[in-house]
Amino acid sequence: MFLVTGATGNVGRRVVARLIAAGHDVRAIVRDPSRAELPAGVAAVTADLADPATLRPHLDGIRAVFLIWPYVDPAVTVALAPALADVLASAGSPRVVFLSAASVEADPNSCWAVVERALIERDLPGTVLRPTGFATNTLGWADAIRAEGVVRWPHGAAARSLIHEDDIAAVAVEALTSDQHDRRTYVLTGPETVTQAEQVRLIGAAIGRDVRWEDVPPQAIRPMLAEAMGSPAFAEMALAAWASMVEKPEQVTDDVSVILGRPARTFARWAADHAADFA
């Protein structure tokens, strides 16, 4: 039995599907089991990571946990992560595959870094996955693409190694089901860097339309970005990261290909897979 948190999200839903397809039993943490729409055979249960004790009843018989941390505020995470790690340790220390972030390397005080340290301090077995940007974040441009065929956003020359959410899920399942990845940290990226302006062109190619990029100053989107991310500080961090990627492209690793035995999917492939979301 595997426990999956964030089971209805972009990555968690795919982790659940892959585990079920491989014949494993899955217990999924969701907000509302009646509306989760998960594959047949999945045991949907509720828990709140804001109250880690609510997770404890669902850990009985669990071999491994896929953990997605839902809070971007480091102060909130500092208050909650140790209690979560204690709950996991008290349940027999199941393997934990934690979906962290590549930005941990540059920001040791981020929410993801705090969770990583809490897990390490309890000596919990498991694997840390540090993806770069999610390709799914570009779905935030979908309304503009449908309405005008123009994306107005800052730093079009920022070069990113965005990763397909299904590649993250595939690596996560490998780490959940095999002990050869225990005590390892992987940085997961796409196979190449693609500028934000080029991402828009590739989305246009996938939907058969001419979609244009228009650079705007960061202040033009700052309030909207802060609201969407739920944190002004997190929005500022994102804007600063995009600015830095104009001169220093986001890193590219081969961790996905080493673990899966195939190349990571390109952004063009991701755009083709999600064409219906932009059309």
Protein backbone atom coordinates (compact mmCIF):
# COMPACT_ATOMS: atom_id res chain seq x y z
CA MET A 1 0.00 0.00 0.00
CA PHE A 2 1.29 3.43 -1.00
CA LEU A 3 0.06 6.75 0.39
CA VAL A 4 -0.12 9.70 -2.01
CA THR A 5 -0.66 13.26 -0.83
CA GLY A 6 -1.81 15.93 -3.29
CA ALA A 7 -3.46 13.06 -5.13
CA THR A 8 -5.68 15.21 -7.36
CA GLY A 9 -2.91 17.59 -8.47
CA ASN A 10 -0.98 17.57 -11.73
CA VAL A 11 1.75 15.27 -10.43
CA GLY A 12 -0.06 13.41 -7.66
CA ARG A 13 -2.87 12.26 -9.94
CA ARG A 14 -0.31 10.77 -12.33
CA VAL A 15 1.56 9.08 -9.49
CA VAL A 16 -1.72 7.44 -8.42
CA ALA A 17 -2.49 6.33 -11.98
CA ARG A 18 0.95 4.84 -12.50
CA LEU A 19 0.88 2.95 -9.20
CA ILE A 20 -2.57 1.52 -9.94
CA ALA A 21 -1.53 0.55 -13.47
CA ALA A 22 1.43 -1.34 -12.00
CA GLY A 23 -0.89 -3.31 -9.72
CA HIS A 24 -0.17 -1.54 -6.44
CA ASP A 25 -2.68 -0.59 -3.75
CA VAL A 26 -3.03 3.16 -3.23
CA ARG A 27 -4.44 5.27 -0.42
CA ALA A 28 -4.91 8.86 -1.63
CA ILE A 29 -5.18 11.97 0.52
CA VAL A 30 -7.85 14.27 -0.94
CA ARG A 31 -10.02 17.11 0.29
CA ASP A 32 -13.31 15.57 -0.79
CA PRO A 33 -13.35 11.84 -1.61
CA SER A 34 -16.75 12.17 -3.30
CA ARG A 35 -15.31 14.56 -5.91
CA ALA A 36 -11.79 13.20 -6.32
CA GLU A 37 -12.46 11.21 -9.55
CA LEU A 38 -9.55 8.84 -8.97
CA PRO A 39 -9.07 5.45 -10.65
CA ALA A 40 -11.15 2.53 -9.47
CA GLY A 41 -9.63 0.74 -6.52
CA VAL A 42 -8.01 3.81 -4.96
CA ALA A 43 -8.87 4.33 -1.29
CA ALA A 44 -9.58 8.07 -1.03
CA VAL A 45 -9.24 9.48 2.50
CA THR A 46 -9.03 12.95 4.03
CA ALA A 47 -6.28 14.52 6.11
CA ASP A 48 -4.93 18.03 6.61
CA LEU A 49 -1.19 18.63 6.60
CA ALA A 50 -1.89 21.77 8.63
CA ASP A 51 -2.72 19.25 11.38
CA PRO A 52 -0.18 16.45 10.80
CA ALA A 53 -1.82 14.23 13.42
CA THR A 54 -4.74 13.73 11.02
CA LEU A 55 -2.35 11.84 8.74
CA ARG A 56 -1.46 9.23 11.34
CA PRO A 57 -4.53 6.95 10.98
CA HIS A 58 -3.85 6.61 7.26
CA LEU A 59 -0.24 5.45 7.66
CA ASP A 60 -1.01 1.95 8.95
CA GLY A 61 0.29 -0.66 6.51
CA ILE A 62 1.91 1.96 4.27
CA ARG A 63 5.11 0.99 2.47
CA ALA A 64 5.97 4.43 1.12
CA VAL A 65 4.59 7.98 1.01
CA PHE A 66 4.61 10.44 -1.86
CA LEU A 67 4.73 13.82 -0.15
CA ILE A 68 3.75 17.13 -1.72
CA TRP A 69 4.06 20.11 0.62
CA PRO A 70 1.19 22.60 0.07
CA TYR A 71 2.54 25.68 1.88
CA VAL A 72 4.90 28.26 0.36
CA ASP A 73 5.30 30.34 3.54
CA PRO A 74 8.54 29.29 5.28
CA ALA A 75 7.21 30.43 8.68
CA VAL A 76 4.19 28.14 8.36
CA THR A 77 6.45 25.31 7.24
CA VAL A 78 8.83 25.79 10.17
CA ALA A 79 5.85 25.36 12.49
CA LEU A 80 4.40 22.28 10.77
CA ALA A 81 7.19 20.26 9.13
CA PRO A 82 8.76 18.89 12.34
CA ALA A 83 5.39 17.63 13.53
CA LEU A 84 4.78 15.96 10.18
CA ALA A 85 8.17 14.26 10.31
CA ASP A 86 7.41 13.08 13.86
CA VAL A 87 4.12 11.55 12.69
CA LEU A 88 5.88 9.71 9.87
CA ALA A 89 8.58 8.45 12.23
CA SER A 90 6.00 7.25 14.74
CA ALA A 91 4.31 5.22 11.99
CA GLY A 92 7.34 3.01 11.47
CA SER A 93 9.29 5.37 9.22
CA PRO A 94 7.87 4.48 5.80
CA ARG A 95 9.92 5.50 2.79
CA VAL A 96 9.14 9.12 1.88
CA VAL A 97 9.50 10.46 -1.65
CA PHE A 98 9.36 14.22 -1.24
CA LEU A 99 8.60 16.56 -4.13
CA SER A 100 10.92 19.44 -3.32
CA ALA A 101 12.29 22.11 -5.68
CA ALA A 102 15.56 22.84 -7.45
CA SER A 103 15.56 26.30 -5.87
CA VAL A 104 16.51 24.70 -2.54
CA GLU A 105 20.13 24.91 -3.66
CA ALA A 106 19.94 28.69 -3.82
CA ASP A 107 17.52 29.25 -0.92
CA PRO A 108 18.21 27.08 2.15
CA ASN A 109 15.41 28.85 4.02
CA SER A 110 12.65 27.98 1.53
CA CYS A 111 9.66 25.91 2.59
CA TRP A 112 11.00 22.92 0.65
CA ALA A 113 14.40 23.16 2.34
CA VAL A 114 12.71 23.23 5.75
CA VAL A 115 10.78 20.04 4.97
CA GLU A 116 13.90 18.34 3.62
CA ARG A 117 15.76 19.07 6.86
CA ALA A 118 12.88 17.84 9.01
CA LEU A 119 12.82 14.51 7.17
CA ILE A 120 16.61 14.15 7.39
CA GLU A 121 16.66 14.97 11.10
CA ARG A 122 14.25 12.07 11.76
CA ASP A 123 16.43 9.83 9.61
CA LEU A 124 13.45 8.85 7.49
CA PRO A 125 14.32 6.68 4.50
CA GLY A 126 13.42 8.07 1.13
CA THR A 127 14.24 10.20 -1.88
CA VAL A 128 14.19 13.93 -2.54
CA LEU A 129 13.03 15.05 -5.98
CA ARG A 130 14.02 18.61 -6.89
CA PRO A 131 12.33 19.56 -10.17
CA THR A 132 12.99 22.81 -11.96
CA GLY A 133 9.95 24.67 -13.29
CA PHE A 134 6.82 22.69 -14.10
CA ALA A 135 5.75 22.96 -17.73
CA THR A 136 2.16 22.99 -16.42
CA ASN A 137 2.76 26.47 -15.01
CA THR A 138 2.51 27.81 -18.57
CA LEU A 139 -1.18 26.91 -18.47
CA GLY A 140 -1.47 30.29 -16.79
CA TRP A 141 -1.12 31.77 -20.28
CA ALA A 142 -4.03 29.75 -21.68
CA ASP A 143 -6.71 32.44 -21.36
CA ALA A 144 -4.55 35.03 -23.11
CA ILE A 145 -3.67 32.59 -25.88
CA ARG A 146 -7.30 31.69 -26.48
CA ALA A 147 -8.50 35.30 -26.34
CA GLU A 148 -5.81 37.17 -28.30
CA GLY A 149 -3.01 34.84 -29.32
CA VAL A 150 -0.62 37.10 -27.41
CA VAL A 151 1.22 36.42 -24.14
CA ARG A 152 2.29 39.57 -22.30
CA TRP A 153 4.87 38.57 -19.69
CA PRO A 154 8.31 39.71 -18.53
CA HIS A 155 11.67 38.24 -19.48
CA GLY A 156 10.93 36.49 -22.76
CA ALA A 157 14.61 35.63 -23.09
CA ALA A 158 14.64 33.68 -19.83
CA ALA A 159 15.79 30.15 -20.73
CA ARG A 160 14.07 27.41 -18.73
CA SER A 161 14.42 23.63 -18.51
CA LEU A 162 10.74 23.03 -17.76
CA ILE A 163 9.79 19.46 -16.96
CA HIS A 164 6.76 17.43 -18.01
CA GLU A 165 4.63 16.52 -14.98
CA ASP A 166 4.43 12.90 -16.13
CA ASP A 167 8.23 12.62 -16.05
CA ILE A 168 8.15 13.72 -12.41
CA ALA A 169 5.45 11.14 -11.68
CA ALA A 170 7.39 8.38 -13.44
CA VAL A 171 10.52 9.12 -11.40
CA ALA A 172 8.45 9.33 -8.20
CA VAL A 173 6.97 5.87 -8.79
CA GLU A 174 10.43 4.43 -9.41
CA ALA A 175 11.58 5.92 -6.10
CA LEU A 176 8.47 4.75 -4.24
CA THR A 177 8.70 1.17 -5.42
CA SER A 178 12.47 0.56 -5.30
CA ASP A 179 14.92 0.96 -2.42
CA GLN A 180 17.83 1.70 -4.76
CA HIS A 181 16.96 5.41 -4.63
CA ASP A 182 16.93 5.72 -0.83
CA ARG A 183 18.99 8.58 0.62
CA ARG A 184 19.35 10.09 -2.86
CA THR A 185 18.50 13.56 -4.15
CA TYR A 186 17.69 14.09 -7.82
CA VAL A 187 17.36 17.33 -9.76
CA LEU A 188 14.71 16.73 -12.42
CA THR A 189 14.68 18.87 -15.57
CA GLY A 190 13.58 18.84 -19.15
CA PRO A 191 16.20 17.76 -21.72
CA GLU A 192 17.02 21.31 -22.87
CA THR A 193 16.45 24.96 -22.12
CA VAL A 194 13.76 26.85 -24.01
CA THR A 195 13.20 30.59 -23.66
CA GLN A 196 9.81 31.76 -22.49
CA ALA A 197 9.17 33.42 -25.84
CA GLU A 198 10.02 30.15 -27.60
CA GLN A 199 7.67 28.27 -25.26
CA VAL A 200 4.84 30.45 -26.53
CA ARG A 201 5.81 29.78 -30.14
CA LEU A 202 5.83 26.03 -29.46
CA ILE A 203 2.40 26.21 -27.87
CA GLY A 204 1.20 28.01 -30.99
CA ALA A 205 2.67 25.28 -33.18
CA ALA A 206 0.91 22.63 -31.10
CA ILE A 207 -2.49 24.27 -31.54
CA GLY A 208 -1.96 25.38 -35.14
CA ARG A 209 -2.05 29.13 -34.43
CA ASP A 210 0.38 32.02 -34.57
CA VAL A 211 0.89 32.93 -30.91
CA ARG A 212 3.07 35.94 -30.12
CA TRP A 213 5.16 36.95 -27.12
CA GLU A 214 5.14 40.57 -25.92
CA ASP A 215 7.61 41.55 -23.23
CA VAL A 216 6.22 43.69 -20.41
CA PRO A 217 7.93 45.10 -17.29
CA PRO A 218 7.72 42.97 -14.14
CA GLN A 219 5.51 45.51 -12.36
CA ALA A 220 2.79 44.90 -14.95
CA ILE A 221 2.14 41.41 -13.61
CA ARG A 222 3.43 41.64 -10.02
CA PRO A 223 0.02 42.04 -8.27
CA MET A 224 -1.61 39.29 -10.34
CA LEU A 225 1.34 36.97 -9.79
CA ALA A 226 1.31 37.54 -6.02
CA GLU A 227 -2.39 36.71 -5.88
CA ALA A 228 -2.02 33.61 -8.03
CA MET A 229 0.92 32.30 -6.01
CA GLY A 230 -0.63 33.18 -2.69
CA SER A 231 2.48 34.99 -1.52
CA PRO A 232 4.02 38.36 -2.55
CA ALA A 233 7.43 37.08 -1.46
CA PHE A 234 7.06 33.96 -3.59
CA ALA A 235 6.08 36.13 -6.57
CA GLU A 236 9.15 38.32 -6.08
CA MET A 237 11.32 35.21 -5.97
CA ALA A 238 9.82 34.00 -9.26
CA LEU A 239 10.37 37.35 -10.98
CA ALA A 240 13.97 37.47 -9.78
CA ALA A 241 14.56 33.92 -10.98
CA TRP A 242 13.22 34.68 -14.48
CA ALA A 243 15.41 37.78 -14.68
CA SER A 244 18.48 35.74 -13.74
CA MET A 245 17.69 33.10 -16.38
CA VAL A 246 18.12 35.67 -19.16
CA GLU A 247 21.87 35.65 -18.51
CA LYS A 248 22.20 32.24 -16.83
CA PRO A 249 19.84 29.59 -18.24
CA GLU A 250 18.18 27.15 -15.87
CA GLN A 251 20.22 24.01 -15.26
CA VAL A 252 19.77 20.82 -17.26
CA THR A 253 20.51 17.42 -15.73
CA ASP A 254 20.31 13.84 -16.98
CA ASP A 255 18.69 12.48 -13.80
CA VAL A 256 15.39 11.70 -15.54
CA SER A 257 17.06 9.73 -18.31
CA VAL A 258 19.34 7.88 -15.89
CA ILE A 259 16.43 6.79 -13.68
CA LEU A 260 13.89 6.04 -16.42
CA GLY A 261 16.21 4.79 -19.14
CA ARG A 262 14.78 7.25 -21.66
CA PRO A 263 15.15 10.98 -22.31
CA ALA A 264 13.02 13.50 -20.49
CA ARG A 265 10.14 14.80 -22.62
CA THR A 266 10.72 18.08 -24.47
CA PHE A 267 8.61 21.19 -24.00
CA ALA A 268 7.32 20.70 -27.55
CA ARG A 269 6.04 17.27 -26.50
CA TRP A 270 4.41 18.78 -23.43
CA ALA A 271 2.71 21.44 -25.56
CA ALA A 272 1.39 18.76 -27.92
CA ASP A 273 0.09 16.72 -24.97
CA HIS A 274 -1.74 19.80 -23.65
CA ALA A 275 -2.90 21.36 -26.93
CA ALA A 276 -6.55 21.01 -25.93
CA ASP A 277 -5.91 23.17 -22.84
CA PHE A 278 -4.89 26.12 -25.03
CA ALA A 279 -7.25 25.72 -27.98
